[in-house]
Amino acid sequence: MNVKPLSDRVLILPNPAEEKTAGGLIIPDTAKEKPLAGKVIAVGPGTSEIKMEVKVGDQVLYGKYAGQEINVDGTDYLIMKQQDILAII
């Protein structure tokens, strides 16, 4: 992958949406909720004011409308500022 985030931005691969409920019902594509967690794929260098706290490989939680969706080589990613990440899990 040759996407390198700039400044305090982070590239995230979202976790796949749930296909079934806990009771075993299959969820149709139109009713699936976007996942709010994912894996950090690439991290920018940070800025003089902002130290990067996440690193490649971290599992993170982010807000529902955080980031910008991008498609690289047929895979959907999110790119967002580090401040949009809520927690490392």
PDB file of N, CA and C in Angstrom:
ATOM      1  N   MET A   1       0.855  -1.172   0.000  1.00  0.00           N
ATOM      2  CA  MET A   1       0.000   0.000   0.000  1.00  0.00           C
ATOM      3  C   MET A   1       0.898   1.231   0.000  1.00  0.00           C
ATOM      4  N   ASN A   2       0.581   2.174  -0.844  1.00  0.00           N
ATOM      5  CA  ASN A   2       1.385   3.381  -0.904  1.00  0.00           C
ATOM      6  C   ASN A   2       0.582   4.618  -0.534  1.00  0.00           C
ATOM      7  N   VAL A   3      -0.281   4.513   0.479  1.00  0.00           N
ATOM      8  CA  VAL A   3      -0.986   5.672   1.019  1.00  0.00           C
ATOM      9  C   VAL A   3      -0.300   6.040   2.329  1.00  0.00           C
ATOM     10  N   LYS A   4       0.237   7.239   2.403  1.00  0.00           N
ATOM     11  CA  LYS A   4       0.896   7.697   3.617  1.00  0.00           C
ATOM     12  C   LYS A   4       0.155   8.937   4.109  1.00  0.00           C
ATOM     13  N   PRO A   5      -0.561   8.834   5.232  1.00  0.00           N
ATOM     14  CA  PRO A   5      -1.274   9.997   5.757  1.00  0.00           C
ATOM     15  C   PRO A   5      -0.304  11.119   6.130  1.00  0.00           C
ATOM     16  N   LEU A   6      -0.764  12.339   5.971  1.00  0.00           N
ATOM     17  CA  LEU A   6       0.025  13.507   6.335  1.00  0.00           C
ATOM     18  C   LEU A   6      -0.409  14.031   7.691  1.00  0.00           C
ATOM     19  N   SER A   7       0.456  14.799   8.311  1.00  0.00           N
ATOM     20  CA  SER A   7       0.156  15.505   9.551  1.00  0.00           C
ATOM     21  C   SER A   7      -0.327  14.527  10.628  1.00  0.00           C
ATOM     22  N   ASP A   8      -1.474  14.801  11.238  1.00  0.00           N
ATOM     23  CA  ASP A   8      -1.986  13.959  12.329  1.00  0.00           C
ATOM     24  C   ASP A   8      -3.134  13.066  11.857  1.00  0.00           C
ATOM     25  N   ARG A   9      -3.062  12.620  10.611  1.00  0.00           N
ATOM     26  CA  ARG A   9      -4.128  11.782  10.068  1.00  0.00           C
ATOM     27  C   ARG A   9      -3.755  10.300  10.185  1.00  0.00           C
ATOM     28  N   VAL A  10      -4.829   9.472  10.192  1.00  0.00           N
ATOM     29  CA  VAL A  10      -4.681   8.028  10.387  1.00  0.00           C
ATOM     30  C   VAL A  10      -5.517   7.315   9.331  1.00  0.00           C
ATOM     31  N   LEU A  11      -4.998   6.253   8.732  1.00  0.00           N
ATOM     32  CA  LEU A  11      -5.725   5.431   7.772  1.00  0.00           C
ATOM     33  C   LEU A  11      -6.225   4.188   8.501  1.00  0.00           C
ATOM     34  N   ILE A  12      -7.542   3.938   8.425  1.00  0.00           N
ATOM     35  CA  ILE A  12      -8.167   2.849   9.180  1.00  0.00           C
ATOM     36  C   ILE A  12      -8.918   1.918   8.241  1.00  0.00           C
ATOM     37  N   LEU A  13      -8.766   0.622   8.454  1.00  0.00           N
ATOM     38  CA  LEU A  13      -9.547  -0.399   7.763  1.00  0.00           C
ATOM     39  C   LEU A  13     -10.709  -0.763   8.690  1.00  0.00           C
ATOM     40  N   PRO A  14     -11.944  -0.349   8.338  1.00  0.00           N
ATOM     41  CA  PRO A  14     -13.085  -0.647   9.223  1.00  0.00           C
ATOM     42  C   PRO A  14     -13.327  -2.143   9.355  1.00  0.00           C
ATOM     43  N   ASN A  15     -13.770  -2.554  10.542  1.00  0.00           N
ATOM     44  CA  ASN A  15     -14.158  -3.949  10.749  1.00  0.00           C
ATOM     45  C   ASN A  15     -15.395  -4.238   9.901  1.00  0.00           C
ATOM     46  N   PRO A  16     -15.569  -5.463   9.435  1.00  0.00           N
ATOM     47  CA  PRO A  16     -16.751  -5.790   8.621  1.00  0.00           C
ATOM     48  C   PRO A  16     -18.037  -5.657   9.436  1.00  0.00           C
ATOM     49  N   ALA A  17     -19.132  -5.302   8.754  1.00  0.00           N
ATOM     50  CA  ALA A  17     -20.434  -5.175   9.410  1.00  0.00           C
ATOM     51  C   ALA A  17     -20.943  -6.560   9.806  1.00  0.00           C
ATOM     52  N   GLU A  18     -21.713  -6.587  10.874  1.00  0.00           N
ATOM     53  CA  GLU A  18     -22.275  -7.856  11.354  1.00  0.00           C
ATOM     54  C   GLU A  18     -23.239  -8.426  10.316  1.00  0.00           C
ATOM     55  N   GLU A  19     -23.135  -9.724  10.059  1.00  0.00           N
ATOM     56  CA  GLU A  19     -23.991 -10.398   9.086  1.00  0.00           C
ATOM     57  C   GLU A  19     -25.221 -11.021   9.756  1.00  0.00           C
ATOM     58  N   LYS A  20     -25.070 -11.393  11.053  1.00  0.00           N
ATOM     59  CA  LYS A  20     -26.162 -12.046  11.777  1.00  0.00           C
ATOM     60  C   LYS A  20     -26.331 -11.397  13.148  1.00  0.00           C
ATOM     61  N   THR A  21     -27.539 -11.479  13.682  1.00  0.00           N
ATOM     62  CA  THR A  21     -27.793 -11.014  15.044  1.00  0.00           C
ATOM     63  C   THR A  21     -27.374 -12.104  16.019  1.00  0.00           C
ATOM     64  N   ALA A  22     -27.412 -11.779  17.308  1.00  0.00           N
ATOM     65  CA  ALA A  22     -27.061 -12.769  18.330  1.00  0.00           C
ATOM     66  C   ALA A  22     -28.024 -13.953  18.303  1.00  0.00           C
ATOM     67  N   GLY A  23     -29.263 -13.710  17.880  1.00  0.00           N
ATOM     68  CA  GLY A  23     -30.261 -14.775  17.806  1.00  0.00           C
ATOM     69  C   GLY A  23     -30.176 -15.598  16.541  1.00  0.00           C
ATOM     70  N   GLY A  24     -29.295 -15.218  15.603  1.00  0.00           N
ATOM     71  CA  GLY A  24     -29.103 -16.000  14.391  1.00  0.00           C
ATOM     72  C   GLY A  24     -29.818 -15.466  13.159  1.00  0.00           C
ATOM     73  N   LEU A  25     -30.522 -14.329  13.288  1.00  0.00           N
ATOM     74  CA  LEU A  25     -31.201 -13.760  12.122  1.00  0.00           C
ATOM     75  C   LEU A  25     -30.185 -13.096  11.198  1.00  0.00           C
ATOM     76  N   ILE A  26     -30.378 -13.260   9.912  1.00  0.00           N
ATOM     77  CA  ILE A  26     -29.483 -12.652   8.927  1.00  0.00           C
ATOM     78  C   ILE A  26     -29.928 -11.209   8.693  1.00  0.00           C
ATOM     79  N   ILE A  27     -28.980 -10.285   8.746  1.00  0.00           N
ATOM     80  CA  ILE A  27     -29.270  -8.865   8.575  1.00  0.00           C
ATOM     81  C   ILE A  27     -29.106  -8.508   7.093  1.00  0.00           C
ATOM     82  N   PRO A  28     -30.153  -7.928   6.464  1.00  0.00           N
ATOM     83  CA  PRO A  28     -30.012  -7.532   5.056  1.00  0.00           C
ATOM     84  C   PRO A  28     -29.052  -6.346   4.916  1.00  0.00           C
ATOM     85  N   ASP A  29     -28.477  -6.183   3.719  1.00  0.00           N
ATOM     86  CA  ASP A  29     -27.500  -5.116   3.475  1.00  0.00           C
ATOM     87  C   ASP A  29     -28.053  -3.736   3.802  1.00  0.00           C
ATOM     88  N   THR A  30     -29.333  -3.511   3.542  1.00  0.00           N
ATOM     89  CA  THR A  30     -29.913  -2.185   3.772  1.00  0.00           C
ATOM     90  C   THR A  30     -30.056  -1.851   5.251  1.00  0.00           C
ATOM     91  N   ALA A  31     -30.049  -2.854   6.113  1.00  0.00           N
ATOM     92  CA  ALA A  31     -30.231  -2.613   7.549  1.00  0.00           C
ATOM     93  C   ALA A  31     -28.926  -2.668   8.333  1.00  0.00           C
ATOM     94  N   LYS A  32     -27.830  -2.999   7.659  1.00  0.00           N
ATOM     95  CA  LYS A  32     -26.551  -3.106   8.363  1.00  0.00           C
ATOM     96  C   LYS A  32     -26.064  -1.732   8.782  1.00  0.00           C
ATOM     97  N   GLU A  33     -25.574  -1.646  10.010  1.00  0.00           N
ATOM     98  CA  GLU A  33     -24.990  -0.400  10.501  1.00  0.00           C
ATOM     99  C   GLU A  33     -23.507  -0.389  10.194  1.00  0.00           C
ATOM    100  N   LYS A  34     -22.991   0.808   9.925  1.00  0.00           N
ATOM    101  CA  LYS A  34     -21.564   0.928   9.681  1.00  0.00           C
ATOM    102  C   LYS A  34     -20.807   0.589  10.954  1.00  0.00           C
ATOM    103  N   PRO A  35     -19.712  -0.158  10.840  1.00  0.00           N
ATOM    104  CA  PRO A  35     -18.930  -0.468  12.045  1.00  0.00           C
ATOM    105  C   PRO A  35     -18.278   0.791  12.600  1.00  0.00           C
ATOM    106  N   LEU A  36     -18.096   0.831  13.901  1.00  0.00           N
ATOM    107  CA  LEU A  36     -17.490   1.986  14.559  1.00  0.00           C
ATOM    108  C   LEU A  36     -16.122   1.610  15.125  1.00  0.00           C
ATOM    109  N   ALA A  37     -15.544   0.553  14.599  1.00  0.00           N
ATOM    110  CA  ALA A  37     -14.227   0.107  15.037  1.00  0.00           C
ATOM    111  C   ALA A  37     -13.441  -0.340  13.819  1.00  0.00           C
ATOM    112  N   GLY A  38     -12.121  -0.325  13.958  1.00  0.00           N
ATOM    113  CA  GLY A  38     -11.292  -0.758  12.849  1.00  0.00           C
ATOM    114  C   GLY A  38      -9.835  -0.879  13.255  1.00  0.00           C
ATOM    115  N   LYS A  39      -9.013  -1.255  12.279  1.00  0.00           N
ATOM    116  CA  LYS A  39      -7.587  -1.470  12.504  1.00  0.00           C
ATOM    117  C   LYS A  39      -6.798  -0.352  11.826  1.00  0.00           C
ATOM    118  N   VAL A  40      -5.832   0.200  12.536  1.00  0.00           N
ATOM    119  CA  VAL A  40      -4.976   1.256  11.994  1.00  0.00           C
ATOM    120  C   VAL A  40      -4.005   0.635  10.997  1.00  0.00           C
ATOM    121  N   ILE A  41      -4.022   1.159   9.762  1.00  0.00           N
ATOM    122  CA  ILE A  41      -3.178   0.646   8.688  1.00  0.00           C
ATOM    123  C   ILE A  41      -1.943   1.526   8.483  1.00  0.00           C
ATOM    124  N   ALA A  42      -2.114   2.848   8.605  1.00  0.00           N
ATOM    125  CA  ALA A  42      -1.002   3.783   8.422  1.00  0.00           C
ATOM    126  C   ALA A  42      -1.233   5.010   9.299  1.00  0.00           C
ATOM    127  N   VAL A  43      -0.147   5.632   9.726  1.00  0.00           N
ATOM    128  CA  VAL A  43      -0.204   6.785  10.629  1.00  0.00           C
ATOM    129  C   VAL A  43       0.703   7.883  10.092  1.00  0.00           C
ATOM    130  N   GLY A  44       0.216   9.117  10.151  1.00  0.00           N
ATOM    131  CA  GLY A  44       1.039  10.257   9.762  1.00  0.00           C
ATOM    132  C   GLY A  44       2.093  10.553  10.820  1.00  0.00           C
ATOM    133  N   PRO A  45       3.009  11.486  10.527  1.00  0.00           N
ATOM    134  CA  PRO A  45       4.100  11.779  11.455  1.00  0.00           C
ATOM    135  C   PRO A  45       3.705  12.638  12.657  1.00  0.00           C
ATOM    136  N   GLY A  46       2.508  13.206  12.643  1.00  0.00           N
ATOM    137  CA  GLY A  46       2.110  14.119  13.708  1.00  0.00           C
ATOM    138  C   GLY A  46       2.556  15.535  13.384  1.00  0.00           C
ATOM    139  N   THR A  47       2.352  16.438  14.329  1.00  0.00           N
ATOM    140  CA  THR A  47       2.781  17.823  14.160  1.00  0.00           C
ATOM    141  C   THR A  47       3.588  18.221  15.384  1.00  0.00           C
ATOM    142  N   SER A  48       4.084  19.439  15.373  1.00  0.00           N
ATOM    143  CA  SER A  48       4.855  19.900  16.534  1.00  0.00           C
ATOM    144  C   SER A  48       3.972  20.022  17.773  1.00  0.00           C
ATOM    145  N   GLU A  49       2.667  20.236  17.577  1.00  0.00           N
ATOM    146  CA  GLU A  49       1.738  20.350  18.713  1.00  0.00           C
ATOM    147  C   GLU A  49       1.062  19.028  19.068  1.00  0.00           C
ATOM    148  N   ILE A  50       0.948  18.128  18.093  1.00  0.00           N
ATOM    149  CA  ILE A  50       0.193  16.887  18.296  1.00  0.00           C
ATOM    150  C   ILE A  50       1.123  15.685  18.156  1.00  0.00           C
ATOM    151  N   LYS A  51       1.281  14.938  19.255  1.00  0.00           N
ATOM    152  CA  LYS A  51       2.078  13.701  19.252  1.00  0.00           C
ATOM    153  C   LYS A  51       1.147  12.551  18.872  1.00  0.00           C
ATOM    154  N   MET A  52       1.575  11.703  17.966  1.00  0.00           N
ATOM    155  CA  MET A  52       0.742  10.578  17.540  1.00  0.00           C
ATOM    156  C   MET A  52       0.734   9.507  18.628  1.00  0.00           C
ATOM    157  N   GLU A  53      -0.467   9.183  19.101  1.00  0.00           N
ATOM    158  CA  GLU A  53      -0.626   8.190  20.165  1.00  0.00           C
ATOM    159  C   GLU A  53      -1.017   6.825  19.631  1.00  0.00           C
ATOM    160  N   VAL A  54      -1.561   6.770  18.412  1.00  0.00           N
ATOM    161  CA  VAL A  54      -1.919   5.479  17.823  1.00  0.00           C
ATOM    162  C   VAL A  54      -0.771   5.011  16.931  1.00  0.00           C
ATOM    163  N   LYS A  55      -0.699   3.702  16.746  1.00  0.00           N
ATOM    164  CA  LYS A  55       0.341   3.146  15.890  1.00  0.00           C
ATOM    165  C   LYS A  55      -0.275   2.083  14.987  1.00  0.00           C
ATOM    166  N   VAL A  56       0.437   1.701  13.974  1.00  0.00           N
ATOM    167  CA  VAL A  56      -0.036   0.707  13.023  1.00  0.00           C
ATOM    168  C   VAL A  56      -0.341  -0.593  13.768  1.00  0.00           C
ATOM    169  N   GLY A  57      -1.508  -1.165  13.468  1.00  0.00           N
ATOM    170  CA  GLY A  57      -1.915  -2.420  14.107  1.00  0.00           C
ATOM    171  C   GLY A  57      -2.888  -2.240  15.255  1.00  0.00           C
ATOM    172  N   ASP A  58      -3.029  -1.018  15.788  1.00  0.00           N
ATOM    173  CA  ASP A  58      -3.972  -0.770  16.885  1.00  0.00           C
ATOM    174  C   ASP A  58      -5.410  -0.968  16.418  1.00  0.00           C
ATOM    175  N   GLN A  59      -6.240  -1.530  17.286  1.00  0.00           N
ATOM    176  CA  GLN A  59      -7.689  -1.578  17.069  1.00  0.00           C
ATOM    177  C   GLN A  59      -8.263  -0.347  17.747  1.00  0.00           C
ATOM    178  N   VAL A  60      -9.074   0.432  17.027  1.00  0.00           N
ATOM    179  CA  VAL A  60      -9.581   1.690  17.566  1.00  0.00           C
ATOM    180  C   VAL A  60     -11.098   1.798  17.408  1.00  0.00           C
ATOM    181  N   LEU A  61     -11.680   2.642  18.244  1.00  0.00           N
ATOM    182  CA  LEU A  61     -13.088   3.022  18.137  1.00  0.00           C
ATOM    183  C   LEU A  61     -13.138   4.460  17.664  1.00  0.00           C
ATOM    184  N   TYR A  62     -14.091   4.778  16.792  1.00  0.00           N
ATOM    185  CA  TYR A  62     -14.222   6.136  16.283  1.00  0.00           C
ATOM    186  C   TYR A  62     -15.691   6.515  16.205  1.00  0.00           C
ATOM    187  N   GLY A  63     -15.962   7.804  16.052  1.00  0.00           N
ATOM    188  CA  GLY A  63     -17.328   8.309  16.006  1.00  0.00           C
ATOM    189  C   GLY A  63     -18.068   7.880  14.747  1.00  0.00           C
ATOM    190  N   LYS A  64     -19.390   7.933  14.802  1.00  0.00           N
ATOM    191  CA  LYS A  64     -20.245   7.460  13.721  1.00  0.00           C
ATOM    192  C   LYS A  64     -19.993   8.182  12.400  1.00  0.00           C
ATOM    193  N   TYR A  65     -19.753   9.482  12.442  1.00  0.00           N
ATOM    194  CA  TYR A  65     -19.565  10.248  11.211  1.00  0.00           C
ATOM    195  C   TYR A  65     -18.119  10.710  11.042  1.00  0.00           C
ATOM    196  N   ALA A  66     -17.194  10.047  11.692  1.00  0.00           N
ATOM    197  CA  ALA A  66     -15.782  10.444  11.642  1.00  0.00           C
ATOM    198  C   ALA A  66     -15.137  10.002  10.332  1.00  0.00           C
ATOM    199  N   GLY A  67     -14.243  10.813   9.849  1.00  0.00           N
ATOM    200  CA  GLY A  67     -13.401  10.440   8.724  1.00  0.00           C
ATOM    201  C   GLY A  67     -14.034  10.566   7.356  1.00  0.00           C
ATOM    202  N   GLN A  68     -13.188  10.362   6.385  1.00  0.00           N
ATOM    203  CA  GLN A  68     -13.562  10.414   4.972  1.00  0.00           C
ATOM    204  C   GLN A  68     -13.332   9.033   4.374  1.00  0.00           C
ATOM    205  N   GLU A  69     -14.339   8.495   3.684  1.00  0.00           N
ATOM    206  CA  GLU A  69     -14.196   7.184   3.061  1.00  0.00           C
ATOM    207  C   GLU A  69     -13.376   7.318   1.783  1.00  0.00           C
ATOM    208  N   ILE A  70     -12.416   6.412   1.608  1.00  0.00           N
ATOM    209  CA  ILE A  70     -11.636   6.365   0.369  1.00  0.00           C
ATOM    210  C   ILE A  70     -11.535   4.915  -0.078  1.00  0.00           C
ATOM    211  N   ASN A  71     -11.305   4.697  -1.365  1.00  0.00           N
ATOM    212  CA  ASN A  71     -11.166   3.363  -1.918  1.00  0.00           C
ATOM    213  C   ASN A  71      -9.792   3.264  -2.551  1.00  0.00           C
ATOM    214  N   VAL A  72      -8.981   2.322  -2.078  1.00  0.00           N
ATOM    215  CA  VAL A  72      -7.637   2.108  -2.606  1.00  0.00           C
ATOM    216  C   VAL A  72      -7.520   0.647  -3.015  1.00  0.00           C
ATOM    217  N   ASP A  73      -7.223   0.409  -4.261  1.00  0.00           N
ATOM    218  CA  ASP A  73      -7.069  -0.952  -4.795  1.00  0.00           C
ATOM    219  C   ASP A  73      -8.280  -1.841  -4.491  1.00  0.00           C
ATOM    220  N   GLY A  74      -9.485  -1.272  -4.561  1.00  0.00           N
ATOM    221  CA  GLY A  74     -10.709  -2.042  -4.349  1.00  0.00           C
ATOM    222  C   GLY A  74     -11.088  -2.269  -2.898  1.00  0.00           C
ATOM    223  N   THR A  75     -10.356  -1.697  -1.967  1.00  0.00           N
ATOM    224  CA  THR A  75     -10.654  -1.840  -0.538  1.00  0.00           C
ATOM    225  C   THR A  75     -11.066  -0.484   0.028  1.00  0.00           C
ATOM    226  N   ASP A  76     -12.129  -0.474   0.824  1.00  0.00           N
ATOM    227  CA  ASP A  76     -12.604   0.769   1.436  1.00  0.00           C
ATOM    228  C   ASP A  76     -11.882   1.029   2.749  1.00  0.00           C
ATOM    229  N   TYR A  77     -11.387   2.246   2.908  1.00  0.00           N
ATOM    230  CA  TYR A  77     -10.706   2.687   4.116  1.00  0.00           C
ATOM    231  C   TYR A  77     -11.337   3.981   4.600  1.00  0.00           C
ATOM    232  N   LEU A  78     -11.009   4.348   5.819  1.00  0.00           N
ATOM    233  CA  LEU A  78     -11.359   5.658   6.364  1.00  0.00           C
ATOM    234  C   LEU A  78     -10.064   6.391   6.663  1.00  0.00           C
ATOM    235  N   ILE A  79     -10.032   7.680   6.353  1.00  0.00           N
ATOM    236  CA  ILE A  79      -8.897   8.499   6.752  1.00  0.00           C
ATOM    237  C   ILE A  79      -9.457   9.612   7.626  1.00  0.00           C
ATOM    238  N   MET A  80      -8.857   9.792   8.798  1.00  0.00           N
ATOM    239  CA  MET A  80      -9.378  10.772   9.755  1.00  0.00           C
ATOM    240  C   MET A  80      -8.241  11.338  10.588  1.00  0.00           C
ATOM    241  N   LYS A  81      -8.539  12.443  11.259  1.00  0.00           N
ATOM    242  CA  LYS A  81      -7.577  13.023  12.185  1.00  0.00           C
ATOM    243  C   LYS A  81      -7.547  12.168  13.445  1.00  0.00           C
ATOM    244  N   GLN A  82      -6.414  12.167  14.105  1.00  0.00           N
ATOM    245  CA  GLN A  82      -6.270  11.385  15.327  1.00  0.00           C
ATOM    246  C   GLN A  82      -7.303  11.801  16.377  1.00  0.00           C
ATOM    247  N   GLN A  83      -7.672  13.072  16.415  1.00  0.00           N
ATOM    248  CA  GLN A  83      -8.625  13.552  17.430  1.00  0.00           C
ATOM    249  C   GLN A  83     -10.026  12.952  17.249  1.00  0.00           C
ATOM    250  N   ASP A  84     -10.331  12.384  16.046  1.00  0.00           N
ATOM    251  CA  ASP A  84     -11.625  11.752  15.811  1.00  0.00           C
ATOM    252  C   ASP A  84     -11.676  10.340  16.381  1.00  0.00           C
ATOM    253  N   ILE A  85     -10.530   9.789  16.781  1.00  0.00           N
ATOM    254  CA  ILE A  85     -10.488   8.453  17.381  1.00  0.00           C
ATOM    255  C   ILE A  85     -10.864   8.575  18.844  1.00  0.00           C
ATOM    256  N   LEU A  86     -11.808   7.738  19.275  1.00  0.00           N
ATOM    257  CA  LEU A  86     -12.309   7.814  20.650  1.00  0.00           C
ATOM    258  C   LEU A  86     -11.482   6.992  21.628  1.00  0.00           C
ATOM    259  N   ALA A  87     -11.010   5.813  21.186  1.00  0.00           N
ATOM    260  CA  ALA A  87     -10.278   4.939  22.111  1.00  0.00           C
ATOM    261  C   ALA A  87      -9.482   3.888  21.339  1.00  0.00           C
ATOM    262  N   ILE A  88      -8.442   3.402  21.979  1.00  0.00           N
ATOM    263  CA  ILE A  88      -7.697   2.250  21.477  1.00  0.00           C
ATOM    264  C   ILE A  88      -8.177   1.051  22.275  1.00  0.00           C
ATOM    265  N   ILE A  89      -8.538  -0.035  21.587  1.00  0.00           N
ATOM    266  CA  ILE A  89      -9.050  -1.218  22.300  1.00  0.00           C
ATOM    267  C   ILE A  89      -8.098  -2.382  22.136  1.00  0.00           C
TER     268      ILE A  89
END
